[in-house]
Amino acid sequence: MCIIIVVPKGEKLPSIDTIKECWYRNPDGAGYCYLSGGLVAGRKGFMNFDKFMNSVTNNVTSGPAILHFRIATTGSVVPGNTHPFPVSKMVTDLKALRWKSQIGVAHNGVIHRYAVKNAYDLSDTQLFIKGFLSKPRIYKRLRFKGTQKEVYREAGSKLAILDSSGVIRLFGDFIQDKGLYYSNSSYKPYKKEKWVWELYDKKNAEKDLDDVPYLWDVYPRPSVCEYRDRECYECDYLDYNYGKATCLLDDNEEERFELL
């Protein structure tokens, strides 16, 4: 799903630990864009962390800037498919590892309408830019609320767009943290949840877990969805007191769940 880090004007880059967290949790390549000579300059296609950090720190001391770390959904895991992108209809521009443009774009999510196989091995984001955002009536009018709403309706996910005047426009819900903006929480250190069996040593490994009084509060048990007739982990909204939930795979049906 990727992550975008937005550095507003005057703000410093995040710590190296934060950048490293984003890199390793979104491992399919990275890039960034910033202002240079009155245009937005992009550097992308980094598949090595040290090379990425050297480039960023040499070119960006403070915002405005956008950093992007990719998890591939559509499009191959290749340098040319990393973000950010210039606004252009040209495949060569969208694949370029160094570019300058009036506008730079980074995306987090999947734009399903554009998530299709194609002869150029373009990602959904690249196809969205090529087929929609690069239209003059769109990119030349991004300062207008009506156009912004149209862009968000078309994308249906998170975008960060930097223009040559230094304005950054965010589409979707971003997390504000210490002056910076993140498109999701994967910049935070990952906390691995312990499984139940890790609570016990070998001596107690045969212990019946039903005898553990606090197990219910700490680790909700798996559930069987009667609607799907098998174990189901799709739904995060189980009511464990009454065994009721709305099946996320069928928005129109309320289903009962039987707790094991």
Protein backbone atom coordinates (compact mmCIF):
# COMPACT_ATOMS: atom_id res chain seq x y z
CA MET A 1 0.00 0.00 0.00
CA CYS A 2 3.04 2.31 0.28
CA ILE A 3 3.56 5.31 2.52
CA ILE A 4 3.95 9.00 1.76
CA ILE A 5 5.87 11.39 4.00
CA VAL A 6 5.03 15.05 3.46
CA VAL A 7 7.52 17.67 4.68
CA PRO A 8 5.86 21.13 4.67
CA LYS A 9 7.81 24.29 4.01
CA GLY A 10 10.30 25.02 6.80
CA GLU A 11 10.06 21.57 8.38
CA LYS A 12 13.02 19.20 8.63
CA LEU A 13 13.18 15.66 7.35
CA PRO A 14 12.06 12.94 9.75
CA SER A 15 14.66 11.03 11.74
CA ILE A 16 16.74 8.39 10.03
CA ASP A 17 14.99 5.77 12.21
CA THR A 18 11.60 6.87 10.87
CA ILE A 19 12.85 6.82 7.29
CA LYS A 20 14.38 3.40 7.83
CA GLU A 21 11.08 2.10 9.26
CA CYS A 22 9.24 3.30 6.17
CA TRP A 23 11.88 1.78 3.90
CA TYR A 24 11.83 -1.72 5.39
CA ARG A 25 8.06 -1.89 5.77
CA ASN A 26 7.53 -0.66 2.20
CA PRO A 27 10.43 -2.38 0.46
CA ASP A 28 9.71 -2.07 -3.29
CA GLY A 29 11.66 1.11 -3.96
CA ALA A 30 11.61 4.75 -2.95
CA GLY A 31 11.84 8.28 -4.27
CA TYR A 32 11.25 11.91 -3.41
CA CYS A 33 10.52 15.29 -4.94
CA TYR A 34 11.42 18.84 -3.89
CA LEU A 35 11.74 22.35 -5.29
CA SER A 36 14.72 23.16 -7.48
CA GLY A 37 15.20 26.12 -9.81
CA GLY A 38 11.54 27.09 -9.83
CA LEU A 39 10.35 23.58 -10.70
CA VAL A 40 9.53 20.36 -8.90
CA ALA A 41 12.48 17.98 -9.19
CA GLY A 42 12.04 14.25 -8.73
CA ARG A 43 14.57 11.57 -7.83
CA LYS A 44 13.31 7.99 -7.67
CA GLY A 45 14.14 4.35 -8.39
CA PHE A 46 16.18 3.81 -5.23
CA MET A 47 16.41 0.13 -4.34
CA ASN A 48 19.24 0.58 -1.85
CA PHE A 49 18.70 2.40 1.44
CA ASP A 50 22.13 4.03 1.72
CA LYS A 51 21.93 5.44 -1.81
CA PHE A 52 18.48 6.79 -1.07
CA MET A 53 19.59 8.49 2.14
CA ASN A 54 22.67 9.99 0.48
CA SER A 55 20.56 11.47 -2.29
CA VAL A 56 17.85 12.84 0.02
CA THR A 57 20.24 14.46 2.47
CA ASN A 58 22.26 16.01 -0.36
CA ASN A 59 19.21 17.60 -1.98
CA VAL A 60 16.68 18.21 0.78
CA THR A 61 17.46 20.07 3.98
CA SER A 62 13.89 21.19 4.67
CA GLY A 63 10.46 21.23 3.07
CA PRO A 64 8.54 21.48 0.95
CA ALA A 65 9.25 17.90 -0.07
CA ILE A 66 7.49 14.57 -0.56
CA LEU A 67 9.05 11.18 0.16
CA HIS A 68 7.49 7.93 -1.02
CA PHE A 69 8.16 4.27 -0.17
CA ARG A 70 6.47 1.67 -2.34
CA ILE A 71 4.71 -1.65 -1.86
CA ALA A 72 3.87 -2.84 -5.37
CA THR A 73 0.25 -3.60 -6.22
CA THR A 74 0.09 -3.25 -9.98
CA GLY A 75 3.15 -2.80 -12.14
CA SER A 76 6.43 -4.65 -11.68
CA VAL A 77 8.91 -4.03 -8.89
CA VAL A 78 11.32 -1.98 -10.99
CA PRO A 79 12.94 1.43 -10.43
CA GLY A 80 10.81 3.14 -13.08
CA ASN A 81 7.57 2.31 -11.26
CA THR A 82 8.59 3.94 -7.99
CA HIS A 83 7.08 7.28 -6.95
CA PRO A 84 6.83 10.25 -7.18
CA PHE A 85 5.90 11.05 -10.78
CA PRO A 86 5.71 14.17 -12.91
CA VAL A 87 2.32 15.03 -14.37
CA SER A 88 2.72 13.87 -17.96
CA LYS A 89 1.08 11.71 -20.62
CA MET A 90 4.47 10.40 -21.76
CA VAL A 91 5.47 6.91 -20.61
CA THR A 92 9.14 7.90 -20.72
CA ASP A 93 8.45 10.75 -18.29
CA LEU A 94 6.50 8.49 -15.93
CA LYS A 95 9.34 5.96 -15.95
CA ALA A 96 12.15 8.53 -15.67
CA LEU A 97 14.36 8.23 -12.57
CA ARG A 98 15.20 11.94 -12.67
CA TRP A 99 12.70 14.53 -13.83
CA LYS A 100 11.60 18.15 -13.52
CA SER A 101 8.03 19.30 -13.88
CA GLN A 102 5.50 21.88 -12.77
CA ILE A 103 3.86 19.23 -10.57
CA GLY A 104 4.98 16.09 -8.72
CA VAL A 105 2.62 13.38 -7.47
CA ALA A 106 2.88 10.53 -4.93
CA HIS A 107 0.08 8.05 -4.21
CA ASN A 108 -0.86 5.65 -1.43
CA GLY A 109 -3.51 3.03 -2.11
CA VAL A 110 -4.99 1.34 -5.17
CA ILE A 111 -6.90 3.20 -7.88
CA HIS A 112 -8.95 0.20 -8.96
CA ARG A 113 -10.23 1.68 -12.19
CA TYR A 114 -6.64 1.97 -13.41
CA ALA A 115 -5.26 -1.23 -11.86
CA VAL A 116 -5.08 -3.15 -15.15
CA LYS A 117 -2.36 -4.95 -17.06
CA ASN A 118 -0.93 -2.93 -19.91
CA ALA A 119 1.76 -3.13 -22.55
CA TYR A 120 3.94 -0.52 -20.84
CA ASP A 121 3.95 -2.20 -17.39
CA LEU A 122 2.56 0.97 -15.84
CA SER A 123 1.15 0.95 -12.32
CA ASP A 124 -2.34 2.14 -11.47
CA THR A 125 -0.88 5.47 -10.34
CA GLN A 126 0.98 5.99 -13.60
CA LEU A 127 -2.14 5.16 -15.63
CA PHE A 128 -4.19 7.53 -13.46
CA ILE A 129 -1.72 10.35 -14.15
CA LYS A 130 -1.46 9.51 -17.84
CA GLY A 131 -5.18 9.16 -18.43
CA PHE A 132 -6.68 11.70 -16.02
CA LEU A 133 -4.44 13.97 -14.00
CA SER A 134 -2.41 15.09 -17.02
CA LYS A 135 -5.46 16.63 -18.67
CA PRO A 136 -4.92 20.41 -18.78
CA ARG A 137 -8.40 21.09 -17.42
CA ILE A 138 -7.37 19.08 -14.32
CA TYR A 139 -3.76 19.86 -13.47
CA LYS A 140 -4.04 23.55 -14.37
CA ARG A 141 -7.03 23.97 -12.04
CA LEU A 142 -5.89 22.07 -8.95
CA ARG A 143 -6.23 25.22 -6.84
CA PHE A 144 -10.01 25.11 -7.26
CA LYS A 145 -12.16 23.13 -4.84
CA GLY A 146 -14.31 21.67 -7.61
CA THR A 147 -11.28 20.21 -9.39
CA GLN A 148 -9.88 18.90 -6.11
CA LYS A 149 -13.12 17.05 -5.44
CA GLU A 150 -13.06 15.61 -8.95
CA VAL A 151 -9.50 14.38 -8.47
CA TYR A 152 -10.34 12.75 -5.15
CA ARG A 153 -13.44 11.07 -6.57
CA GLU A 154 -11.39 9.68 -9.46
CA ALA A 155 -8.51 8.45 -7.27
CA GLY A 156 -10.55 7.28 -4.26
CA SER A 157 -7.35 7.08 -2.24
CA LYS A 158 -4.50 9.21 -0.88
CA LEU A 159 -2.44 11.62 -2.95
CA ALA A 160 0.21 14.23 -2.19
CA ILE A 161 0.79 16.79 -4.94
CA LEU A 162 3.59 19.38 -4.89
CA ASP A 163 3.52 22.24 -7.37
CA SER A 164 6.28 24.62 -8.45
CA SER A 165 4.99 27.39 -6.18
CA GLY A 166 5.75 25.21 -3.15
CA VAL A 167 2.13 24.35 -2.34
CA ILE A 168 1.46 20.76 -1.27
CA ARG A 169 -2.10 19.47 -1.58
CA LEU A 170 -3.13 16.36 0.32
CA PHE A 171 -6.04 14.19 -0.76
CA GLY A 172 -7.36 11.73 1.80
CA ASP A 173 -6.74 11.21 5.50
CA PHE A 174 -3.15 11.86 6.60
CA ILE A 175 -1.61 11.56 10.08
CA GLN A 176 -0.03 14.74 11.40
CA ASP A 177 2.93 14.04 13.67
CA LYS A 178 5.50 16.63 14.83
CA GLY A 179 4.88 18.93 11.90
CA LEU A 180 5.04 16.23 9.23
CA TYR A 181 2.24 14.32 7.50
CA TYR A 182 2.12 10.56 6.91
CA SER A 183 -0.35 8.71 4.71
CA ASN A 184 -0.59 5.80 7.15
CA SER A 185 0.97 4.51 10.36
CA SER A 186 3.71 2.32 8.86
CA TYR A 187 6.27 4.97 9.84
CA LYS A 188 5.85 3.84 13.44
CA PRO A 189 7.91 0.93 14.81
CA TYR A 190 6.12 -2.36 14.22
CA LYS A 191 4.87 -4.01 17.40
CA LYS A 192 4.63 -7.74 16.90
CA GLU A 193 1.68 -9.31 18.70
CA LYS A 194 2.51 -12.38 20.70
CA TRP A 195 0.59 -15.56 19.98
CA VAL A 196 -0.97 -17.45 22.87
CA TRP A 197 1.59 -20.25 22.86
CA GLU A 198 4.37 -17.77 23.57
CA LEU A 199 2.92 -17.13 27.00
CA TYR A 200 3.89 -20.57 28.26
CA ASP A 201 7.04 -22.58 28.70
CA LYS A 202 7.34 -26.23 27.66
CA LYS A 203 6.25 -27.43 31.07
CA ASN A 204 2.85 -25.78 30.67
CA ALA A 205 2.50 -26.27 26.94
CA GLU A 206 -0.20 -28.92 27.40
CA LYS A 207 -2.30 -26.68 29.63
CA ASP A 208 -5.87 -26.23 28.47
CA LEU A 209 -6.06 -22.62 27.34
CA ASP A 210 -9.71 -22.41 28.38
CA ASP A 211 -8.50 -22.43 31.99
CA VAL A 212 -6.64 -19.14 31.49
CA PRO A 213 -9.03 -16.48 32.87
CA TYR A 214 -7.55 -13.49 31.04
CA LEU A 215 -7.10 -15.13 27.65
CA TRP A 216 -10.44 -13.82 26.42
CA ASP A 217 -9.46 -10.22 27.13
CA VAL A 218 -5.99 -10.40 25.66
CA TYR A 219 -6.44 -12.64 22.61
CA PRO A 220 -9.89 -12.87 21.00
CA ARG A 221 -10.40 -16.41 19.73
CA PRO A 222 -10.93 -17.28 16.07
CA SER A 223 -14.51 -17.33 14.87
CA VAL A 224 -16.54 -19.39 12.46
CA CYS A 225 -18.76 -17.42 10.13
CA GLU A 226 -22.00 -19.36 9.65
CA TYR A 227 -22.56 -17.44 6.43
CA ARG A 228 -19.25 -18.60 4.96
CA ASP A 229 -19.19 -21.92 6.87
CA ARG A 230 -15.52 -21.77 7.69
CA GLU A 231 -13.02 -19.92 9.85
CA CYS A 232 -13.05 -16.28 8.81
CA TYR A 233 -10.56 -13.58 9.69
CA GLU A 234 -11.87 -10.96 7.26
CA CYS A 235 -14.00 -9.06 9.75
CA ASP A 236 -12.49 -6.75 12.35
CA TYR A 237 -15.84 -5.74 13.82
CA LEU A 238 -16.92 -8.81 15.76
CA ASP A 239 -18.91 -8.18 18.91
CA TYR A 240 -17.39 -10.85 21.12
CA ASN A 241 -20.08 -10.43 23.78
CA TYR A 242 -22.98 -11.36 21.52
CA GLY A 243 -21.32 -13.02 18.55
CA LYS A 244 -22.86 -10.59 16.06
CA ALA A 245 -21.16 -8.76 13.23
CA THR A 246 -21.61 -7.42 9.75
CA CYS A 247 -19.78 -9.54 7.21
CA LEU A 248 -17.33 -7.27 5.40
CA LEU A 249 -17.62 -9.43 2.29
CA ASP A 250 -21.34 -8.72 2.00
CA ASP A 251 -22.30 -5.16 2.92
CA ASN A 252 -26.02 -5.91 2.81
CA GLU A 253 -26.11 -8.90 5.12
CA GLU A 254 -25.83 -9.08 8.90
CA GLU A 255 -24.49 -12.48 9.89
CA ARG A 256 -24.14 -14.36 13.15
CA PHE A 257 -20.78 -15.67 14.24
CA GLU A 258 -20.32 -18.62 16.55
CA LEU A 259 -17.34 -18.36 18.83
CA LEU A 260 -15.15 -21.45 19.11
